């Protein structure tokens, strides 16, 4: 493994470990000024300031957030690392319009890291967002709302795909302006 690849894996693992720490900017000390965060429950790309605000909301909603790390895998591109993660925490604050349930949640996700000039430049999360929101809604007895759970998809992304028949499916064109 090249020194560059090893450094990238260490950076990604450090970012993930820092997500469990209570200090707000913790994981962002490993990122570039042009950092972007996307995926999961986000409805588009977040810049660095927006990502810090997002983290602040996560910490308010889940003050005991813990991030368990799976293996760090280098993908075929030298500057991409994927890590399987597991987030656990107690829902103690409003999250996606769901009032505190004081329920312990457990969510699986993958995070894909891209690097530039020795810093993390982009993190894309693939989260089981549906499972998380269903855990919280069931405990809070909050009806499901048609809110986007994934980054905005353009028509070109959906071309050739059948529309899902799930009752919570939101067509990509209706994502604009929600959030």
C-alpha atoms as a PDB file:
ATOM      1  CA  UNK A   1       0.000   0.000   0.000  1.00  0.00           C
ATOM      2  CA  UNK A   2       1.400   3.381  -0.990  1.00  0.00           C
ATOM      3  CA  UNK A   3       2.112   6.051   1.663  1.00  0.00           C
ATOM      4  CA  UNK A   4      -0.538   8.259   0.061  1.00  0.00           C
ATOM      5  CA  UNK A   5      -3.201   5.552   0.265  1.00  0.00           C
ATOM      6  CA  UNK A   6      -2.269   4.797   3.877  1.00  0.00           C
ATOM      7  CA  UNK A   7      -2.474   8.519   4.751  1.00  0.00           C
ATOM      8  CA  UNK A   8      -5.920   8.762   3.121  1.00  0.00           C
ATOM      9  CA  UNK A   9      -7.198   5.782   5.121  1.00  0.00           C
ATOM     10  CA  UNK A  10      -5.885   7.315   8.339  1.00  0.00           C
ATOM     11  CA  UNK A  11      -7.545  10.652   7.550  1.00  0.00           C
ATOM     12  CA  UNK A  12     -10.899   8.990   6.863  1.00  0.00           C
ATOM     13  CA  UNK A  13     -10.705   6.923  10.049  1.00  0.00           C
ATOM     14  CA  UNK A  14      -9.731  10.011  12.081  1.00  0.00           C
ATOM     15  CA  UNK A  15     -12.716  11.930  10.665  1.00  0.00           C
ATOM     16  CA  UNK A  16     -15.062   9.067  11.631  1.00  0.00           C
ATOM     17  CA  UNK A  17     -13.629   8.733  15.145  1.00  0.00           C
ATOM     18  CA  UNK A  18     -14.016  12.488  15.633  1.00  0.00           C
ATOM     19  CA  UNK A  19     -17.746  12.174  14.789  1.00  0.00           C
ATOM     20  CA  UNK A  20     -18.187  10.464  18.194  1.00  0.00           C
ATOM     21  CA  UNK A  21     -16.483  13.323  20.030  1.00  0.00           C
ATOM     22  CA  UNK A  22     -18.677  16.039  21.532  1.00  0.00           C
ATOM     23  CA  UNK A  23     -16.581  18.901  20.169  1.00  0.00           C
ATOM     24  CA  UNK A  24     -18.437  20.481  17.258  1.00  0.00           C
ATOM     25  CA  UNK A  25     -15.687  21.103  14.688  1.00  0.00           C
ATOM     26  CA  UNK A  26     -13.845  17.873  15.550  1.00  0.00           C
ATOM     27  CA  UNK A  27     -14.126  15.949  12.270  1.00  0.00           C
ATOM     28  CA  UNK A  28     -13.817  19.086  10.153  1.00  0.00           C
ATOM     29  CA  UNK A  29     -10.185  19.694  11.082  1.00  0.00           C
ATOM     30  CA  UNK A  30      -9.364  16.967   8.517  1.00  0.00           C
ATOM     31  CA  UNK A  31     -11.172  18.580   5.573  1.00  0.00           C
ATOM     32  CA  UNK A  32     -10.296  21.017   2.794  1.00  0.00           C
ATOM     33  CA  UNK A  33     -11.726  24.522   2.443  1.00  0.00           C
ATOM     34  CA  UNK A  34     -13.760  23.266  -0.534  1.00  0.00           C
ATOM     35  CA  UNK A  35     -15.202  20.356   1.468  1.00  0.00           C
ATOM     36  CA  UNK A  36     -18.576  18.920   0.434  1.00  0.00           C
ATOM     37  CA  UNK A  37     -20.850  16.558   2.364  1.00  0.00           C
ATOM     38  CA  UNK A  38     -23.741  14.734   0.688  1.00  0.00           C
ATOM     39  CA  UNK A  39     -26.030  11.742   0.957  1.00  0.00           C
ATOM     40  CA  UNK A  40     -27.915  10.179   3.832  1.00  0.00           C
ATOM     41  CA  UNK A  41     -30.665  12.469   5.098  1.00  0.00           C
ATOM     42  CA  UNK A  42     -29.229  15.471   3.251  1.00  0.00           C
ATOM     43  CA  UNK A  43     -31.109  16.913   0.290  1.00  0.00           C
ATOM     44  CA  UNK A  44     -28.035  18.134  -1.557  1.00  0.00           C
ATOM     45  CA  UNK A  45     -24.368  19.030  -1.147  1.00  0.00           C
ATOM     46  CA  UNK A  46     -23.375  20.915   1.985  1.00  0.00           C
ATOM     47  CA  UNK A  47     -20.341  23.185   2.065  1.00  0.00           C
ATOM     48  CA  UNK A  48     -18.075  23.337   5.126  1.00  0.00           C
ATOM     49  CA  UNK A  49     -20.151  25.894   7.066  1.00  0.00           C
ATOM     50  CA  UNK A  50     -23.371  24.013   6.305  1.00  0.00           C
ATOM     51  CA  UNK A  51     -21.758  20.698   7.301  1.00  0.00           C
ATOM     52  CA  UNK A  52     -20.738  22.169  10.669  1.00  0.00           C
ATOM     53  CA  UNK A  53     -24.312  23.414  11.211  1.00  0.00           C
ATOM     54  CA  UNK A  54     -25.619  19.943  10.232  1.00  0.00           C
ATOM     55  CA  UNK A  55     -23.286  18.346  12.797  1.00  0.00           C
ATOM     56  CA  UNK A  56     -24.535  20.791  15.431  1.00  0.00           C
ATOM     57  CA  UNK A  57     -28.117  19.637  14.746  1.00  0.00           C
ATOM     58  CA  UNK A  58     -27.085  15.981  14.937  1.00  0.00           C
ATOM     59  CA  UNK A  59     -25.366  16.554  18.298  1.00  0.00           C
ATOM     60  CA  UNK A  60     -28.434  18.366  19.666  1.00  0.00           C
ATOM     61  CA  UNK A  61     -30.718  15.532  18.559  1.00  0.00           C
ATOM     62  CA  UNK A  62     -28.330  12.711  19.571  1.00  0.00           C
ATOM     63  CA  UNK A  63     -26.009  14.071  22.292  1.00  0.00           C
ATOM     64  CA  UNK A  64     -24.558  10.622  23.031  1.00  0.00           C
ATOM     65  CA  UNK A  65     -23.822   9.818  19.368  1.00  0.00           C
ATOM     66  CA  UNK A  66     -21.309   7.011  18.923  1.00  0.00           C
ATOM     67  CA  UNK A  67     -19.766   5.967  15.636  1.00  0.00           C
ATOM     68  CA  UNK A  68     -18.483   2.408  15.317  1.00  0.00           C
ATOM     69  CA  UNK A  69     -16.012   1.826  12.507  1.00  0.00           C
ATOM     70  CA  UNK A  70     -15.935  -1.082  10.134  1.00  0.00           C
ATOM     71  CA  UNK A  71     -13.001  -1.751   7.810  1.00  0.00           C
ATOM     72  CA  UNK A  72     -11.547   1.037   5.666  1.00  0.00           C
ATOM     73  CA  UNK A  73     -11.439  -0.117   2.054  1.00  0.00           C
ATOM     74  CA  UNK A  74      -9.453   1.601  -0.654  1.00  0.00           C
ATOM     75  CA  UNK A  75     -11.412   1.622  -3.876  1.00  0.00           C
ATOM     76  CA  UNK A  76      -9.855   1.320  -7.317  1.00  0.00           C
ATOM     77  CA  UNK A  77      -9.113   5.036  -7.319  1.00  0.00           C
ATOM     78  CA  UNK A  78      -6.187   5.969  -5.061  1.00  0.00           C
ATOM     79  CA  UNK A  79      -8.048   8.945  -3.668  1.00  0.00           C
ATOM     80  CA  UNK A  80     -11.236   7.159  -2.584  1.00  0.00           C
ATOM     81  CA  UNK A  81     -11.759   5.306   0.690  1.00  0.00           C
ATOM     82  CA  UNK A  82     -14.998   3.630   1.814  1.00  0.00           C
ATOM     83  CA  UNK A  83     -15.804   2.876   5.443  1.00  0.00           C
ATOM     84  CA  UNK A  84     -18.744   0.948   6.832  1.00  0.00           C
ATOM     85  CA  UNK A  85     -20.092   2.714   9.922  1.00  0.00           C
ATOM     86  CA  UNK A  86     -22.724   2.209  12.556  1.00  0.00           C
ATOM     87  CA  UNK A  87     -24.231   5.212  14.342  1.00  0.00           C
ATOM     88  CA  UNK A  88     -25.951   4.760  17.685  1.00  0.00           C
ATOM     89  CA  UNK A  89     -27.425   7.366  19.967  1.00  0.00           C
ATOM     90  CA  UNK A  90     -30.397   8.421  22.041  1.00  0.00           C
ATOM     91  CA  UNK A  91     -32.919  10.703  20.355  1.00  0.00           C
ATOM     92  CA  UNK A  92     -33.046  13.607  22.862  1.00  0.00           C
ATOM     93  CA  UNK A  93     -33.812  16.526  20.540  1.00  0.00           C
ATOM     94  CA  UNK A  94     -35.993  17.327  17.541  1.00  0.00           C
ATOM     95  CA  UNK A  95     -34.691  15.640  14.399  1.00  0.00           C
ATOM     96  CA  UNK A  96     -36.357  16.011  10.984  1.00  0.00           C
ATOM     97  CA  UNK A  97     -39.429  17.474  12.683  1.00  0.00           C
ATOM     98  CA  UNK A  98     -39.719  14.442  14.985  1.00  0.00           C
ATOM     99  CA  UNK A  99     -39.825  15.447  18.664  1.00  0.00           C
ATOM    100  CA  UNK A 100     -37.522  13.674  21.140  1.00  0.00           C
ATOM    101  CA  UNK A 101     -38.479  10.045  21.689  1.00  0.00           C
ATOM    102  CA  UNK A 102     -35.582   9.160  24.040  1.00  0.00           C
ATOM    103  CA  UNK A 103     -35.271   6.040  21.925  1.00  0.00           C
ATOM    104  CA  UNK A 104     -31.871   4.484  21.338  1.00  0.00           C
ATOM    105  CA  UNK A 105     -31.385   4.311  17.558  1.00  0.00           C
ATOM    106  CA  UNK A 106     -29.009   2.193  15.541  1.00  0.00           C
ATOM    107  CA  UNK A 107     -28.239   3.068  11.915  1.00  0.00           C
ATOM    108  CA  UNK A 108     -25.911   1.474   9.380  1.00  0.00           C
ATOM    109  CA  UNK A 109     -24.189   3.559   6.731  1.00  0.00           C
ATOM    110  CA  UNK A 110     -21.301   3.695   4.329  1.00  0.00           C
ATOM    111  CA  UNK A 111     -19.156   6.783   3.928  1.00  0.00           C
ATOM    112  CA  UNK A 112     -17.098   7.381   0.795  1.00  0.00           C
ATOM    113  CA  UNK A 113     -14.179   9.781   1.147  1.00  0.00           C
ATOM    114  CA  UNK A 114     -12.385  11.647  -1.653  1.00  0.00           C
ATOM    115  CA  UNK A 115      -9.106  13.423  -0.985  1.00  0.00           C
ATOM    116  CA  UNK A 116      -7.251  16.373  -2.430  1.00  0.00           C
ATOM    117  CA  UNK A 117      -3.873  17.792  -1.365  1.00  0.00           C
ATOM    118  CA  UNK A 118      -3.756  15.779   1.865  1.00  0.00           C
ATOM    119  CA  UNK A 119      -7.260  16.704   3.067  1.00  0.00           C
ATOM    120  CA  UNK A 120     -10.714  15.166   2.832  1.00  0.00           C
ATOM    121  CA  UNK A 121     -12.430  16.988  -0.022  1.00  0.00           C
ATOM    122  CA  UNK A 122     -15.779  15.164  -0.138  1.00  0.00           C
ATOM    123  CA  UNK A 123     -17.763  12.727   1.991  1.00  0.00           C
ATOM    124  CA  UNK A 124     -20.751  10.970   0.466  1.00  0.00           C
ATOM    125  CA  UNK A 125     -22.897   8.976   2.881  1.00  0.00           C
ATOM    126  CA  UNK A 126     -25.176   6.090   2.036  1.00  0.00           C
ATOM    127  CA  UNK A 127     -27.445   5.790   5.054  1.00  0.00           C
ATOM    128  CA  UNK A 128     -30.375   3.569   5.854  1.00  0.00           C
ATOM    129  CA  UNK A 129     -32.340   6.795   6.342  1.00  0.00           C
ATOM    130  CA  UNK A 130     -35.705   5.086   6.023  1.00  0.00           C
ATOM    131  CA  UNK A 131     -34.912   2.727   8.918  1.00  0.00           C
ATOM    132  CA  UNK A 132     -33.764   5.616  11.129  1.00  0.00           C
ATOM    133  CA  UNK A 133     -36.858   7.738  10.505  1.00  0.00           C
ATOM    134  CA  UNK A 134     -39.163   4.761  10.931  1.00  0.00           C
ATOM    135  CA  UNK A 135     -37.565   3.954  14.310  1.00  0.00           C
ATOM    136  CA  UNK A 136     -38.168   7.528  15.452  1.00  0.00           C
ATOM    137  CA  UNK A 137     -41.645   7.930  13.951  1.00  0.00           C
ATOM    138  CA  UNK A 138     -42.853   4.671  15.488  1.00  0.00           C
ATOM    139  CA  UNK A 139     -41.710   5.777  18.943  1.00  0.00           C
ATOM    140  CA  UNK A 140     -43.093   9.315  18.526  1.00  0.00           C
ATOM    141  CA  UNK A 141     -46.295   8.233  16.756  1.00  0.00           C
ATOM    142  CA  UNK A 142     -45.570  10.871  14.125  1.00  0.00           C
ATOM    143  CA  UNK A 143     -47.135  10.227  10.711  1.00  0.00           C
ATOM    144  CA  UNK A 144     -44.708   9.791   7.843  1.00  0.00           C
ATOM    145  CA  UNK A 145     -44.318  12.879   5.663  1.00  0.00           C
ATOM    146  CA  UNK A 146     -43.124  13.000   2.113  1.00  0.00           C
ATOM    147  CA  UNK A 147     -39.693  14.490   2.797  1.00  0.00           C
ATOM    148  CA  UNK A 148     -36.638  13.789   0.666  1.00  0.00           C
ATOM    149  CA  UNK A 149     -34.164  11.420   2.262  1.00  0.00           C
ATOM    150  CA  UNK A 150     -31.554  11.388  -0.475  1.00  0.00           C
ATOM    151  CA  UNK A 151     -29.660  14.037  -2.415  1.00  0.00           C
ATOM    152  CA  UNK A 152     -31.660  15.690  -5.170  1.00  0.00           C
ATOM    153  CA  UNK A 153     -31.799  13.477  -8.245  1.00  0.00           C
ATOM    154  CA  UNK A 154     -32.163  14.969 -11.677  1.00  0.00           C
ATOM    155  CA  UNK A 155     -34.285  13.506 -14.443  1.00  0.00           C
ATOM    156  CA  UNK A 156     -31.127  12.170 -16.129  1.00  0.00           C
ATOM    157  CA  UNK A 157     -30.358  10.097 -13.010  1.00  0.00           C
ATOM    158  CA  UNK A 158     -33.789   8.496 -13.097  1.00  0.00           C
ATOM    159  CA  UNK A 159     -33.963   7.860 -16.841  1.00  0.00           C
ATOM    160  CA  UNK A 160     -34.564   4.222 -17.616  1.00  0.00           C
ATOM    161  CA  UNK A 161     -35.571   3.471 -14.020  1.00  0.00           C
ATOM    162  CA  UNK A 162     -39.046   2.519 -12.919  1.00  0.00           C
ATOM    163  CA  UNK A 163     -40.571   4.718 -10.245  1.00  0.00           C
ATOM    164  CA  UNK A 164     -40.629   2.910  -6.909  1.00  0.00           C
ATOM    165  CA  UNK A 165     -44.088   1.948  -5.715  1.00  0.00           C
ATOM    166  CA  UNK A 166     -43.307   2.473  -2.020  1.00  0.00           C
ATOM    167  CA  UNK A 167     -45.935   4.718  -0.346  1.00  0.00           C
ATOM    168  CA  UNK A 168     -43.242   7.116   0.927  1.00  0.00           C
ATOM    169  CA  UNK A 169     -41.658   7.582  -2.509  1.00  0.00           C
ATOM    170  CA  UNK A 170     -41.179  11.235  -3.420  1.00  0.00           C
ATOM    171  CA  UNK A 171     -40.567  11.924  -7.130  1.00  0.00           C
ATOM    172  CA  UNK A 172     -37.168  13.606  -7.630  1.00  0.00           C
ATOM    173  CA  UNK A 173     -38.727  16.663  -9.303  1.00  0.00           C
ATOM    174  CA  UNK A 174     -40.598  17.470  -6.079  1.00  0.00           C
ATOM    175  CA  UNK A 175     -37.378  17.638  -3.991  1.00  0.00           C
ATOM    176  CA  UNK A 176     -36.625  21.232  -5.019  1.00  0.00           C
ATOM    177  CA  UNK A 177     -37.580  23.667  -2.321  1.00  0.00           C
ATOM    178  CA  UNK A 178     -38.183  21.039   0.385  1.00  0.00           C
ATOM    179  CA  UNK A 179     -35.945  20.741   3.345  1.00  0.00           C
END
